[in-house]
Amino acid sequence: MTRLRIAISRFLGIFGRAQQNQEIEREFRSHLQMLTEENVQKEKSALSRWDFLIGNVRRRD
């Protein structure tokens, strides 16, 4: 009976790890998406500041 329990435990452990891996991957992708969006907003902000500065220089000419 002990061997059967060990086999069942190992079998279920394989599926448990697969589910954990999927959850970790979803969490990783979520954080990566948030960081990507944050960096895109920072880049847009930097570009708008640059455009503003260039616009002011052009108006002075």
N, C-alpha and C. Protein backbone atom coordinates (compact mmCIF):
# COMPACT_ATOMS: atom_id res chain seq x y z
N MET A 1 0.81 -1.20 0.00
CA MET A 1 0.00 0.00 0.00
C MET A 1 0.86 1.27 0.00
N THR A 2 2.00 1.21 0.66
CA THR A 2 2.88 2.37 0.73
C THR A 2 3.40 2.74 -0.65
N ARG A 3 3.76 1.77 -1.45
CA ARG A 3 4.26 2.06 -2.80
C ARG A 3 3.19 2.73 -3.64
N LEU A 4 1.95 2.30 -3.48
CA LEU A 4 0.85 2.91 -4.22
C LEU A 4 0.68 4.37 -3.81
N ARG A 5 0.74 4.65 -2.54
CA ARG A 5 0.62 6.03 -2.06
C ARG A 5 1.77 6.90 -2.58
N ILE A 6 2.95 6.35 -2.59
CA ILE A 6 4.11 7.09 -3.11
C ILE A 6 3.91 7.39 -4.59
N ALA A 7 3.46 6.40 -5.34
CA ALA A 7 3.24 6.58 -6.77
C ALA A 7 2.17 7.64 -7.02
N ILE A 8 1.08 7.57 -6.27
CA ILE A 8 0.00 8.55 -6.42
C ILE A 8 0.50 9.95 -6.05
N SER A 9 1.25 10.04 -4.97
CA SER A 9 1.80 11.32 -4.53
C SER A 9 2.70 11.92 -5.59
N ARG A 10 3.56 11.11 -6.16
CA ARG A 10 4.44 11.60 -7.22
C ARG A 10 3.67 12.03 -8.45
N PHE A 11 2.67 11.24 -8.80
CA PHE A 11 1.83 11.55 -9.96
C PHE A 11 1.13 12.89 -9.77
N LEU A 12 0.53 13.07 -8.60
CA LEU A 12 -0.16 14.32 -8.32
C LEU A 12 0.81 15.48 -8.20
N GLY A 13 2.02 15.22 -7.72
CA GLY A 13 3.04 16.25 -7.62
C GLY A 13 3.44 16.82 -8.96
N ILE A 14 3.46 15.97 -9.96
CA ILE A 14 3.80 16.42 -11.31
C ILE A 14 2.79 17.45 -11.78
N PHE A 15 1.50 17.18 -11.59
CA PHE A 15 0.46 18.11 -12.03
C PHE A 15 0.44 19.36 -11.16
N GLY A 16 0.73 19.20 -9.88
CA GLY A 16 0.79 20.35 -8.99
C GLY A 16 1.89 21.32 -9.40
N ARG A 17 3.05 20.77 -9.76
CA ARG A 17 4.16 21.62 -10.21
C ARG A 17 3.82 22.31 -11.52
N ALA A 18 3.15 21.61 -12.39
CA ALA A 18 2.77 22.22 -13.67
C ALA A 18 1.84 23.40 -13.43
N GLN A 19 0.91 23.24 -12.51
CA GLN A 19 -0.02 24.33 -12.19
C GLN A 19 0.74 25.49 -11.54
N GLN A 20 1.67 25.19 -10.65
CA GLN A 20 2.48 26.24 -10.03
C GLN A 20 3.28 26.99 -11.09
N ASN A 21 3.84 26.26 -12.02
CA ASN A 21 4.62 26.90 -13.08
C ASN A 21 3.75 27.82 -13.92
N GLN A 22 2.52 27.40 -14.20
CA GLN A 22 1.60 28.24 -14.96
C GLN A 22 1.26 29.51 -14.19
N GLU A 23 1.03 29.39 -12.89
CA GLU A 23 0.72 30.56 -12.07
C GLU A 23 1.91 31.51 -12.02
N ILE A 24 3.09 30.98 -11.87
CA ILE A 24 4.30 31.81 -11.84
C ILE A 24 4.48 32.51 -13.19
N GLU A 25 4.24 31.79 -14.27
CA GLU A 25 4.37 32.39 -15.60
C GLU A 25 3.35 33.50 -15.80
N ARG A 26 2.11 33.29 -15.37
CA ARG A 26 1.08 34.35 -15.47
C ARG A 26 1.50 35.57 -14.65
N GLU A 27 1.99 35.35 -13.45
CA GLU A 27 2.43 36.44 -12.59
C GLU A 27 3.59 37.20 -13.23
N PHE A 28 4.55 36.47 -13.77
CA PHE A 28 5.69 37.08 -14.45
C PHE A 28 5.25 37.92 -15.63
N ARG A 29 4.36 37.35 -16.44
CA ARG A 29 3.88 38.09 -17.62
C ARG A 29 3.12 39.35 -17.21
N SER A 30 2.36 39.26 -16.14
CA SER A 30 1.62 40.42 -15.65
C SER A 30 2.57 41.54 -15.23
N HIS A 31 3.59 41.18 -14.47
CA HIS A 31 4.57 42.19 -14.04
C HIS A 31 5.34 42.76 -15.22
N LEU A 32 5.69 41.91 -16.16
CA LEU A 32 6.39 42.37 -17.35
C LEU A 32 5.53 43.35 -18.15
N GLN A 33 4.25 43.05 -18.28
CA GLN A 33 3.33 43.94 -18.98
C GLN A 33 3.23 45.30 -18.28
N MET A 34 3.12 45.27 -16.95
CA MET A 34 3.02 46.52 -16.19
C MET A 34 4.30 47.36 -16.36
N LEU A 35 5.45 46.71 -16.28
CA LEU A 35 6.71 47.44 -16.45
C LEU A 35 6.85 47.99 -17.87
N THR A 36 6.40 47.23 -18.84
CA THR A 36 6.46 47.69 -20.23
C THR A 36 5.60 48.94 -20.41
N GLU A 37 4.37 48.88 -19.88
CA GLU A 37 3.47 50.04 -19.99
C GLU A 37 4.04 51.25 -19.27
N GLU A 38 4.63 51.02 -18.11
CA GLU A 38 5.24 52.12 -17.35
C GLU A 38 6.38 52.76 -18.14
N ASN A 39 7.21 51.94 -18.74
CA ASN A 39 8.34 52.46 -19.52
C ASN A 39 7.87 53.18 -20.78
N VAL A 40 6.81 52.70 -21.39
CA VAL A 40 6.26 53.38 -22.57
C VAL A 40 5.77 54.76 -22.17
N GLN A 41 5.09 54.86 -21.01
CA GLN A 41 4.60 56.16 -20.55
C GLN A 41 5.77 57.10 -20.24
N LYS A 42 6.83 56.56 -19.63
CA LYS A 42 8.00 57.39 -19.35
C LYS A 42 8.62 57.90 -20.64
N GLU A 43 8.69 57.04 -21.64
CA GLU A 43 9.27 57.44 -22.93
C GLU A 43 8.41 58.51 -23.58
N LYS A 44 7.09 58.34 -23.52
CA LYS A 44 6.19 59.35 -24.10
C LYS A 44 6.38 60.68 -23.39
N SER A 45 6.52 60.62 -22.08
CA SER A 45 6.72 61.84 -21.30
C SER A 45 8.03 62.52 -21.69
N ALA A 46 9.07 61.74 -21.81
CA ALA A 46 10.38 62.29 -22.19
C ALA A 46 10.32 62.89 -23.60
N LEU A 47 9.64 62.21 -24.50
CA LEU A 47 9.52 62.73 -25.86
C LEU A 47 8.71 64.01 -25.90
N SER A 48 7.66 64.09 -25.11
CA SER A 48 6.85 65.31 -25.11
C SER A 48 7.65 66.48 -24.53
N ARG A 49 8.47 66.21 -23.51
CA ARG A 49 9.32 67.28 -22.96
C ARG A 49 10.32 67.73 -24.01
N TRP A 50 10.89 66.78 -24.73
CA TRP A 50 11.85 67.10 -25.79
C TRP A 50 11.17 67.93 -26.87
N ASP A 51 9.98 67.51 -27.29
CA ASP A 51 9.24 68.26 -28.31
C ASP A 51 8.93 69.67 -27.83
N PHE A 52 8.58 69.81 -26.55
CA PHE A 52 8.30 71.12 -25.98
C PHE A 52 9.54 72.00 -26.05
N LEU A 53 10.70 71.45 -25.66
CA LEU A 53 11.93 72.23 -25.69
C LEU A 53 12.32 72.61 -27.11
N ILE A 54 12.22 71.68 -28.03
CA ILE A 54 12.54 71.96 -29.43
C ILE A 54 11.59 73.02 -29.98
N GLY A 55 10.33 72.91 -29.60
CA GLY A 55 9.34 73.90 -30.06
C GLY A 55 9.68 75.29 -29.57
N ASN A 56 10.14 75.39 -28.33
CA ASN A 56 10.51 76.71 -27.79
C ASN A 56 11.73 77.26 -28.50
N VAL A 57 12.69 76.41 -28.86
CA VAL A 57 13.88 76.88 -29.57
C VAL A 57 13.49 77.36 -30.96
N ARG A 58 12.61 76.67 -31.62
CA ARG A 58 12.20 77.06 -32.98
C ARG A 58 11.46 78.40 -32.96
N ARG A 59 10.67 78.64 -31.93
CA ARG A 59 9.92 79.89 -31.87
C ARG A 59 10.84 81.09 -31.67
N ARG A 60 11.98 80.87 -31.04
CA ARG A 60 12.91 81.98 -30.79
C ARG A 60 13.64 82.39 -32.06
N ASP A 61 13.75 81.46 -33.01
CA ASP A 61 14.51 81.77 -34.24
C ASP A 61 13.80 82.72 -35.12
